[in-house]
Every structure is written in structure tokens, then in C-alpha cells.
Amino acid sequence: MKPIFDGRIISVALEEHRLPDGRTSTFEMVRHPGGAAALPVLDDGRVILIRQFRPAADGLVWEIPAGRLEPDEDPADCIRRELEEEIGYRPGTLTPLCSMLSAIGFCDEKVHLYIARDLVPVPSAPEADEFIEPVTLCLDAALKMLETGEIVDAKTQLALLLADRRR
């Protein structure tokens, strides 16, 4: 392994890996601690999405609340923290949806997806560099936004589709 960059969120290295046929090849690998995300569902069935400024997307993006795992942190604890920080709700129930690899061609980030229910209001506390606007809407409206291309974030797309399938 040849380290290239070691930052607060990711590390990048050139790594040798053995291929299924026995040969070896060098890959550029991004290592990430992983994350957790949840689709918050209110008692009346409406969902909460956030509009968040994302420099990598060059603007505001529709997303579900999400956060990066701290070392040895349980994904459910991570998303509980993030729901409180980002939208001002504490979940009474977290139901696992799935785990997904976000960019499998070059990155090992695994995101654990949940549905959050039995939400209790608490004060929100976004981080200083976060610009977040929570928006409440019905699931059908969110699915329409996905169909029209307004929602481009993969974890949000997958969570919405799985939530719709479980209705």
C-alpha cells in the first residue's frame, strides 16, 4: 500500500490486490469509515427530507438525514445523533432497510439505511459548516421528485423506494 492522502473524512492509497485469476493489479482506493442514514416518517405518514448544501454537487441537494460513523460507533447510534442534529427529532423506532456501498468502484464507504418512526421533537443542532433545511412532504410527493430527477442522491433514492415497497 502506498498512502497518498490521509484526511479527517477519507484516506486515499494505491493498493495491490489479487484478482480472481491470481494476477495482481494496483487500484486507487478511497477508504471511508462508513455512515448511517434514515428516512424519518411522521405519525401521519409524511416524511422529512432535507435540502443540504453539498460542495461536491455544486449546490443544494435533496437528501435524507445521514452522518459519518465515529470509530467503533454503532450505525443506529450514529443516525440517532444525526436525526437530532439535522432535523430536531429523536426516533423511538429505527427499522433497518439495508446496507449499501456508495461508490463500489473506488471507495469502501458502507451506508446503513433505516426508517425512523415514533419521532419526538428535540432541539436541532446542525454543525457550523452545515446548511440544512428540513422539508416535510408526503411519500408520494418525494417519489415524484425522484422520478423527475430532483432527487439525485443514491442513499435517498434507495430509502424512498424501499419505504414505498414496504407500504
C-alpha atoms as a PDB file:
ATOM      1  CA  MET A   1       0.000   0.000   0.000  1.00  0.00           C
ATOM      2  CA  LYS A   2       1.227   3.470  -0.915  1.00  0.00           C
ATOM      3  CA  PRO A   3      -0.590   6.198   1.077  1.00  0.00           C
ATOM      4  CA  ILE A   4      -1.436   9.281  -0.960  1.00  0.00           C
ATOM      5  CA  PHE A   5      -3.650  11.294   1.414  1.00  0.00           C
ATOM      6  CA  ASP A   6      -4.905  10.887   4.967  1.00  0.00           C
ATOM      7  CA  GLY A   7      -7.629  13.373   5.906  1.00  0.00           C
ATOM      8  CA  ARG A   8     -10.334  13.893   8.512  1.00  0.00           C
ATOM      9  CA  ILE A   9     -13.004  12.081   6.454  1.00  0.00           C
ATOM     10  CA  ILE A  10     -11.187   9.864   3.952  1.00  0.00           C
ATOM     11  CA  SER A  11      -7.827   8.345   3.156  1.00  0.00           C
ATOM     12  CA  VAL A  12      -6.546   7.544  -0.331  1.00  0.00           C
ATOM     13  CA  ALA A  13      -3.912   4.972  -1.262  1.00  0.00           C
ATOM     14  CA  LEU A  14      -2.575   2.894  -4.125  1.00  0.00           C
ATOM     15  CA  GLU A  15      -3.170  -0.740  -3.159  1.00  0.00           C
ATOM     16  CA  GLU A  16      -2.150  -4.056  -4.693  1.00  0.00           C
ATOM     17  CA  HIS A  17      -4.964  -6.611  -4.836  1.00  0.00           C
ATOM     18  CA  ARG A  18      -5.039 -10.194  -6.087  1.00  0.00           C
ATOM     19  CA  LEU A  19      -7.556 -10.755  -8.892  1.00  0.00           C
ATOM     20  CA  PRO A  20      -9.752 -13.883  -9.062  1.00  0.00           C
ATOM     21  CA  ASP A  21      -7.414 -15.376 -11.702  1.00  0.00           C
ATOM     22  CA  GLY A  22      -4.353 -14.999  -9.439  1.00  0.00           C
ATOM     23  CA  ARG A  23      -2.800 -11.939 -11.063  1.00  0.00           C
ATOM     24  CA  THR A  24      -2.286  -8.752  -9.046  1.00  0.00           C
ATOM     25  CA  SER A  25      -3.194  -5.212 -10.002  1.00  0.00           C
ATOM     26  CA  THR A  26      -2.871  -1.741  -8.482  1.00  0.00           C
ATOM     27  CA  PHE A  27      -6.031   0.125  -7.518  1.00  0.00           C
ATOM     28  CA  GLU A  28      -6.659   3.682  -6.333  1.00  0.00           C
ATOM     29  CA  MET A  29      -8.689   3.175  -3.160  1.00  0.00           C
ATOM     30  CA  VAL A  30     -10.642   5.645  -1.060  1.00  0.00           C
ATOM     31  CA  ARG A  31     -11.165   4.420   2.498  1.00  0.00           C
ATOM     32  CA  HIS A  32     -14.093   5.846   4.478  1.00  0.00           C
ATOM     33  CA  PRO A  33     -15.399   4.907   7.954  1.00  0.00           C
ATOM     34  CA  GLY A  34     -18.958   4.429   6.664  1.00  0.00           C
ATOM     35  CA  GLY A  35     -22.181   6.066   7.664  1.00  0.00           C
ATOM     36  CA  ALA A  36     -25.823   5.755   8.579  1.00  0.00           C
ATOM     37  CA  ALA A  37     -28.912   7.406   7.118  1.00  0.00           C
ATOM     38  CA  ALA A  38     -32.642   7.283   7.791  1.00  0.00           C
ATOM     39  CA  LEU A  39     -35.919   8.213   6.187  1.00  0.00           C
ATOM     40  CA  PRO A  40     -37.844   9.947   9.003  1.00  0.00           C
ATOM     41  CA  VAL A  41     -41.576   9.134   8.921  1.00  0.00           C
ATOM     42  CA  LEU A  42     -44.027  11.177  10.999  1.00  0.00           C
ATOM     43  CA  ASP A  43     -47.069   9.586  12.678  1.00  0.00           C
ATOM     44  CA  ASP A  44     -49.323  10.840   9.845  1.00  0.00           C
ATOM     45  CA  GLY A  45     -47.148   9.093   7.221  1.00  0.00           C
ATOM     46  CA  ARG A  46     -45.402  12.188   5.885  1.00  0.00           C
ATOM     47  CA  VAL A  47     -41.621  12.029   5.502  1.00  0.00           C
ATOM     48  CA  ILE A  48     -38.910  14.555   6.231  1.00  0.00           C
ATOM     49  CA  LEU A  49     -36.237  15.263   3.632  1.00  0.00           C
ATOM     50  CA  ILE A  50     -33.511  17.852   3.924  1.00  0.00           C
ATOM     51  CA  ARG A  51     -32.124  20.339   1.430  1.00  0.00           C
ATOM     52  CA  GLN A  52     -28.431  20.438   2.160  1.00  0.00           C
ATOM     53  CA  PHE A  53     -25.598  22.396   0.575  1.00  0.00           C
ATOM     54  CA  ARG A  54     -23.101  19.945  -0.895  1.00  0.00           C
ATOM     55  CA  PRO A  55     -19.968  21.430  -2.496  1.00  0.00           C
ATOM     56  CA  ALA A  56     -19.309  18.195  -4.444  1.00  0.00           C
ATOM     57  CA  ALA A  57     -22.719  18.622  -6.117  1.00  0.00           C
ATOM     58  CA  ASP A  58     -22.149  22.378  -6.524  1.00  0.00           C
ATOM     59  CA  GLY A  59     -25.287  23.365  -4.669  1.00  0.00           C
ATOM     60  CA  LEU A  60     -28.328  22.224  -2.720  1.00  0.00           C
ATOM     61  CA  VAL A  61     -29.297  18.539  -2.807  1.00  0.00           C
ATOM     62  CA  TRP A  62     -32.383  16.695  -1.523  1.00  0.00           C
ATOM     63  CA  GLU A  63     -31.346  14.027   0.985  1.00  0.00           C
ATOM     64  CA  ILE A  64     -32.384  12.001   3.973  1.00  0.00           C
ATOM     65  CA  PRO A  65     -30.531  12.800   7.221  1.00  0.00           C
ATOM     66  CA  ALA A  66     -27.192  10.998   7.377  1.00  0.00           C
ATOM     67  CA  GLY A  67     -23.860  11.035   9.116  1.00  0.00           C
ATOM     68  CA  ARG A  68     -20.399   9.550   9.231  1.00  0.00           C
ATOM     69  CA  LEU A  69     -19.645   6.796  11.730  1.00  0.00           C
ATOM     70  CA  GLU A  70     -17.252   7.617  14.540  1.00  0.00           C
ATOM     71  CA  PRO A  71     -14.651   4.915  15.374  1.00  0.00           C
ATOM     72  CA  ASP A  72     -16.401   1.790  16.733  1.00  0.00           C
ATOM     73  CA  GLU A  73     -19.807   3.537  16.630  1.00  0.00           C
ATOM     74  CA  ASP A  74     -22.964   1.504  16.100  1.00  0.00           C
ATOM     75  CA  PRO A  75     -24.780   2.748  12.948  1.00  0.00           C
ATOM     76  CA  ALA A  76     -28.079   3.070  14.875  1.00  0.00           C
ATOM     77  CA  ASP A  77     -26.413   5.354  17.423  1.00  0.00           C
ATOM     78  CA  CYS A  78     -24.932   7.406  14.586  1.00  0.00           C
ATOM     79  CA  ILE A  79     -28.276   8.017  12.892  1.00  0.00           C
ATOM     80  CA  ARG A  80     -29.983   8.803  16.210  1.00  0.00           C
ATOM     81  CA  ARG A  81     -27.398  11.559  16.728  1.00  0.00           C
ATOM     82  CA  GLU A  82     -27.772  12.852  13.183  1.00  0.00           C
ATOM     83  CA  LEU A  83     -31.583  12.948  13.284  1.00  0.00           C
ATOM     84  CA  GLU A  84     -31.425  15.122  16.382  1.00  0.00           C
ATOM     85  CA  GLU A  85     -28.738  17.395  14.946  1.00  0.00           C
ATOM     86  CA  GLU A  86     -30.142  17.788  11.440  1.00  0.00           C
ATOM     87  CA  ILE A  87     -33.940  17.776  11.808  1.00  0.00           C
ATOM     88  CA  GLY A  88     -34.640  18.075  15.537  1.00  0.00           C
ATOM     89  CA  TYR A  89     -36.256  14.682  16.127  1.00  0.00           C
ATOM     90  CA  ARG A  90     -35.338  11.700  18.295  1.00  0.00           C
ATOM     91  CA  PRO A  91     -36.521   8.379  16.828  1.00  0.00           C
ATOM     92  CA  GLY A  92     -38.459   5.971  19.031  1.00  0.00           C
ATOM     93  CA  THR A  93     -38.081   3.200  16.458  1.00  0.00           C
ATOM     94  CA  LEU A  94     -35.366   2.510  13.886  1.00  0.00           C
ATOM     95  CA  THR A  95     -36.108  -0.210  11.349  1.00  0.00           C
ATOM     96  CA  PRO A  96     -33.146  -1.375   9.229  1.00  0.00           C
ATOM     97  CA  LEU A  97     -33.740  -1.180   5.465  1.00  0.00           C
ATOM     98  CA  CYS A  98     -30.377  -2.345   4.084  1.00  0.00           C
ATOM     99  CA  SER A  99     -26.698  -1.509   3.851  1.00  0.00           C
ATOM    100  CA  MET A 100     -25.300  -0.122   0.621  1.00  0.00           C
ATOM    101  CA  LEU A 101     -21.869   0.519  -0.871  1.00  0.00           C
ATOM    102  CA  SER A 102     -21.992   4.067  -2.191  1.00  0.00           C
ATOM    103  CA  ALA A 103     -19.190   4.068  -4.796  1.00  0.00           C
ATOM    104  CA  ILE A 104     -18.017   0.471  -5.122  1.00  0.00           C
ATOM    105  CA  GLY A 105     -15.589   1.106  -7.988  1.00  0.00           C
ATOM    106  CA  PHE A 106     -13.115   3.039  -5.855  1.00  0.00           C
ATOM    107  CA  CYS A 107     -14.437   3.521  -2.301  1.00  0.00           C
ATOM    108  CA  ASP A 108     -15.286   1.207   0.610  1.00  0.00           C
ATOM    109  CA  GLU A 109     -17.920   3.500   2.197  1.00  0.00           C
ATOM    110  CA  LYS A 110     -20.844   1.445   3.513  1.00  0.00           C
ATOM    111  CA  VAL A 111     -24.030   3.308   4.451  1.00  0.00           C
ATOM    112  CA  HIS A 112     -26.585   1.656   6.747  1.00  0.00           C
ATOM    113  CA  LEU A 113     -30.150   2.715   5.876  1.00  0.00           C
ATOM    114  CA  TYR A 114     -33.100   2.863   8.291  1.00  0.00           C
ATOM    115  CA  ILE A 115     -36.665   4.053   8.568  1.00  0.00           C
ATOM    116  CA  ALA A 116     -37.099   6.255  11.649  1.00  0.00           C
ATOM    117  CA  ARG A 117     -40.547   6.350  13.290  1.00  0.00           C
ATOM    118  CA  ASP A 118     -42.154   7.437  16.561  1.00  0.00           C
ATOM    119  CA  LEU A 119     -40.339  10.751  16.257  1.00  0.00           C
ATOM    120  CA  VAL A 120     -40.119  13.023  19.298  1.00  0.00           C
ATOM    121  CA  PRO A 121     -39.235  16.718  18.762  1.00  0.00           C
ATOM    122  CA  VAL A 122     -35.936  17.900  20.280  1.00  0.00           C
ATOM    123  CA  PRO A 123     -33.774  20.974  19.612  1.00  0.00           C
ATOM    124  CA  SER A 124     -31.763  20.640  16.401  1.00  0.00           C
ATOM    125  CA  ALA A 125     -28.050  21.462  16.384  1.00  0.00           C
ATOM    126  CA  PRO A 126     -26.509  21.412  12.905  1.00  0.00           C
ATOM    127  CA  GLU A 127     -22.724  21.628  12.725  1.00  0.00           C
ATOM    128  CA  ALA A 128     -21.244  25.051  11.934  1.00  0.00           C
ATOM    129  CA  ASP A 129     -20.485  24.202   8.291  1.00  0.00           C
ATOM    130  CA  GLU A 130     -23.861  22.574   7.582  1.00  0.00           C
ATOM    131  CA  PHE A 131     -26.609  24.402   5.718  1.00  0.00           C
ATOM    132  CA  ILE A 132     -29.713  22.226   6.217  1.00  0.00           C
ATOM    133  CA  GLU A 133     -33.382  22.936   5.561  1.00  0.00           C
ATOM    134  CA  PRO A 134     -35.804  20.178   6.697  1.00  0.00           C
ATOM    135  CA  VAL A 135     -38.905  19.807   4.495  1.00  0.00           C
ATOM    136  CA  THR A 136     -41.966  17.696   5.338  1.00  0.00           C
ATOM    137  CA  LEU A 137     -43.916  16.111   2.476  1.00  0.00           C
ATOM    138  CA  CYS A 138     -45.941  13.022   1.657  1.00  0.00           C
ATOM    139  CA  LEU A 139     -44.099   9.947   0.435  1.00  0.00           C
ATOM    140  CA  ASP A 140     -45.821  10.122  -2.955  1.00  0.00           C
ATOM    141  CA  ALA A 141     -44.528  13.680  -3.477  1.00  0.00           C
ATOM    142  CA  ALA A 142     -40.989  12.546  -2.599  1.00  0.00           C
ATOM    143  CA  LEU A 143     -41.285   9.622  -5.028  1.00  0.00           C
ATOM    144  CA  LYS A 144     -42.452  12.030  -7.745  1.00  0.00           C
ATOM    145  CA  MET A 145     -39.341  14.145  -7.079  1.00  0.00           C
ATOM    146  CA  LEU A 146     -37.249  11.016  -7.551  1.00  0.00           C
ATOM    147  CA  GLU A 147     -38.999  10.244 -10.870  1.00  0.00           C
ATOM    148  CA  THR A 148     -38.498  13.786 -12.184  1.00  0.00           C
ATOM    149  CA  GLY A 149     -34.788  13.799 -11.323  1.00  0.00           C
ATOM    150  CA  GLU A 150     -34.964  16.286  -8.446  1.00  0.00           C
ATOM    151  CA  ILE A 151     -33.583  13.701  -6.012  1.00  0.00           C
ATOM    152  CA  VAL A 152     -30.180  12.539  -7.268  1.00  0.00           C
ATOM    153  CA  ASP A 153     -28.664  11.257  -4.011  1.00  0.00           C
ATOM    154  CA  ALA A 154     -28.391   7.445  -4.181  1.00  0.00           C
ATOM    155  CA  LYS A 155     -28.987   6.683  -0.486  1.00  0.00           C
ATOM    156  CA  THR A 156     -32.113   8.837  -0.548  1.00  0.00           C
ATOM    157  CA  GLN A 157     -33.384   7.222  -3.750  1.00  0.00           C
ATOM    158  CA  LEU A 158     -32.900   3.729  -2.325  1.00  0.00           C
ATOM    159  CA  ALA A 159     -34.504   4.563   1.036  1.00  0.00           C
ATOM    160  CA  LEU A 160     -37.556   6.079  -0.665  1.00  0.00           C
ATOM    161  CA  LEU A 161     -38.015   3.100  -2.991  1.00  0.00           C
ATOM    162  CA  LEU A 162     -37.657   0.589  -0.154  1.00  0.00           C
ATOM    163  CA  ALA A 163     -40.032   2.555   2.069  1.00  0.00           C
ATOM    164  CA  ASP A 164     -42.577   2.639  -0.744  1.00  0.00           C
ATOM    165  CA  ARG A 165     -42.221  -1.106  -1.233  1.00  0.00           C
ATOM    166  CA  ARG A 166     -42.923  -1.689   2.475  1.00  0.00           C
ATOM    167  CA  ARG A 167     -46.114   0.401   2.483  1.00  0.00           C
END
